[in-house]
Amino acid sequence: MIDFACKEFQINEVIKCALALTRADVKIMDYFIHKPGNWYNTNLIAKETHLDLSTVQRSVKRLHEKGVLIKSQNNLNNGGYTYIYMIKDKNEIKKIIMEIVFKWAKKVENELENW
């Protein structure tokens, strides 16, 4: 728990806010956090999380764009391909979040200087 002035925040709230994640994004990220080092396709993720496939596809796209997931192309034997995803190391994700928090703190500092 993080106590900031008059409010306490759960770390999941900080992560959700810092990365501007939806509830589905958080659920997908949590899915990956508990299965590090493995590649998953959206069909399996949807099945195991009980989320709609299109929701999973949007979430993994967003998490990849934010630098949380790694995406790789998996070529199929009969032609075509699918994408598979794996979560980055927790330290890399921590670095991304801390950069966002530091930018926020800098904005607060600037606002206070102009106050």
Protein backbone atom coordinates (compact mmCIF):
# COMPACT_ATOMS: atom_id res chain seq x y z
CA MET A 1 0.00 0.00 0.00
CA ILE A 2 1.27 3.46 -0.85
CA ASP A 3 0.23 6.31 1.41
CA PHE A 4 0.13 9.58 -0.51
CA ALA A 5 -0.92 12.53 1.57
CA CYS A 6 -4.60 11.84 2.34
CA LYS A 7 -5.12 8.62 0.37
CA GLU A 8 -3.68 5.12 0.30
CA PHE A 9 -3.24 3.25 -2.97
CA GLN A 10 -2.92 -0.46 -3.66
CA ILE A 11 0.06 -1.13 -5.94
CA ASN A 12 -2.30 -2.55 -8.58
CA GLU A 13 -4.11 0.80 -8.65
CA VAL A 14 -0.79 2.60 -9.20
CA ILE A 15 0.13 0.24 -12.05
CA LYS A 16 -3.33 0.56 -13.62
CA CYS A 17 -3.25 4.34 -13.41
CA ALA A 18 0.38 4.76 -14.52
CA LEU A 19 -0.11 2.60 -17.61
CA ALA A 20 -3.71 3.77 -18.24
CA LEU A 21 -5.01 0.21 -18.23
CA THR A 22 -8.57 -1.08 -18.39
CA ARG A 23 -9.86 -3.76 -16.02
CA ALA A 24 -9.40 -6.32 -18.80
CA ASP A 25 -5.81 -5.14 -19.36
CA VAL A 26 -5.10 -5.63 -15.65
CA LYS A 27 -6.63 -9.11 -15.74
CA ILE A 28 -4.49 -10.05 -18.76
CA MET A 29 -1.35 -8.59 -17.18
CA ASP A 30 -2.07 -10.54 -13.98
CA TYR A 31 -2.48 -13.69 -16.09
CA PHE A 32 1.00 -13.18 -17.55
CA ILE A 33 2.58 -12.19 -14.21
CA HIS A 34 1.65 -15.61 -12.84
CA LYS A 35 3.07 -17.38 -15.91
CA PRO A 36 6.39 -15.65 -16.68
CA GLY A 37 8.77 -16.93 -19.32
CA ASN A 38 6.10 -18.59 -21.47
CA TRP A 39 4.50 -17.62 -24.78
CA TYR A 40 0.70 -17.55 -25.14
CA ASN A 41 -1.70 -16.87 -27.99
CA THR A 42 -4.89 -14.87 -27.60
CA ASN A 43 -7.15 -17.91 -28.01
CA LEU A 44 -5.61 -19.64 -24.99
CA ILE A 45 -5.61 -16.44 -22.94
CA ALA A 46 -9.30 -15.86 -23.72
CA LYS A 47 -10.17 -19.42 -22.75
CA GLU A 48 -8.23 -19.36 -19.48
CA THR A 49 -9.33 -15.86 -18.40
CA HIS A 50 -12.96 -16.27 -19.54
CA LEU A 51 -12.73 -13.03 -21.51
CA ASP A 52 -14.02 -12.45 -25.02
CA LEU A 53 -11.38 -13.03 -27.71
CA SER A 54 -11.72 -9.50 -29.09
CA THR A 55 -11.23 -8.08 -25.57
CA VAL A 56 -8.07 -10.16 -25.15
CA GLN A 57 -6.78 -9.07 -28.56
CA ARG A 58 -7.27 -5.38 -27.68
CA SER A 59 -5.64 -5.84 -24.27
CA VAL A 60 -2.54 -7.66 -25.50
CA LYS A 61 -2.15 -5.05 -28.24
CA ARG A 62 -2.34 -2.25 -25.65
CA LEU A 63 0.04 -4.03 -23.25
CA HIS A 64 2.49 -4.61 -26.08
CA GLU A 65 2.33 -0.94 -27.11
CA LYS A 66 3.02 0.08 -23.50
CA GLY A 67 6.11 -2.14 -23.40
CA VAL A 68 4.76 -4.73 -20.98
CA LEU A 69 4.45 -7.66 -23.40
CA ILE A 70 6.79 -9.03 -26.05
CA LYS A 71 5.13 -10.10 -29.32
CA SER A 72 6.43 -12.75 -31.69
CA GLN A 73 5.10 -14.20 -34.91
CA ASN A 74 4.33 -17.92 -34.88
CA ASN A 75 4.27 -19.34 -38.43
CA LEU A 76 1.69 -22.07 -39.01
CA ASN A 77 2.47 -25.28 -40.91
CA ASN A 78 -0.42 -24.82 -43.33
CA GLY A 79 0.51 -21.22 -44.06
CA GLY A 80 -0.34 -18.05 -42.26
CA TYR A 81 0.70 -17.06 -38.79
CA THR A 82 -0.53 -16.10 -35.36
CA TYR A 83 1.00 -13.82 -32.78
CA ILE A 84 2.17 -15.08 -29.41
CA TYR A 85 2.94 -12.98 -26.36
CA MET A 86 5.15 -13.14 -23.29
CA ILE A 87 5.47 -10.71 -20.39
CA LYS A 88 8.71 -8.80 -19.96
CA ASP A 89 10.80 -9.18 -16.84
CA LYS A 90 9.25 -7.51 -13.78
CA ASN A 91 12.28 -5.22 -13.47
CA GLU A 92 11.71 -3.91 -17.01
CA ILE A 93 8.05 -3.25 -16.24
CA LYS A 94 9.04 -1.57 -12.96
CA LYS A 95 11.38 0.72 -14.90
CA ILE A 96 8.57 1.73 -17.29
CA ILE A 97 6.23 2.50 -14.40
CA MET A 98 8.86 4.40 -12.42
CA GLU A 99 9.63 6.59 -15.45
CA ILE A 100 5.94 7.51 -15.59
CA VAL A 101 5.82 8.19 -11.84
CA PHE A 102 8.95 10.38 -12.04
CA LYS A 103 7.43 12.37 -14.93
CA TRP A 104 4.31 12.87 -12.83
CA ALA A 105 6.38 13.98 -9.83
CA LYS A 106 8.25 16.46 -12.05
CA LYS A 107 4.92 17.90 -13.26
CA VAL A 108 3.79 18.29 -9.65
CA GLU A 109 7.08 20.03 -8.82
CA ASN A 110 6.65 22.42 -11.77
CA GLU A 111 3.06 23.20 -10.75
CA LEU A 112 4.18 23.92 -7.19
CA GLU A 113 6.89 26.28 -8.44
CA ASN A 114 4.26 28.21 -10.41
CA TRP A 115 1.76 28.14 -7.54
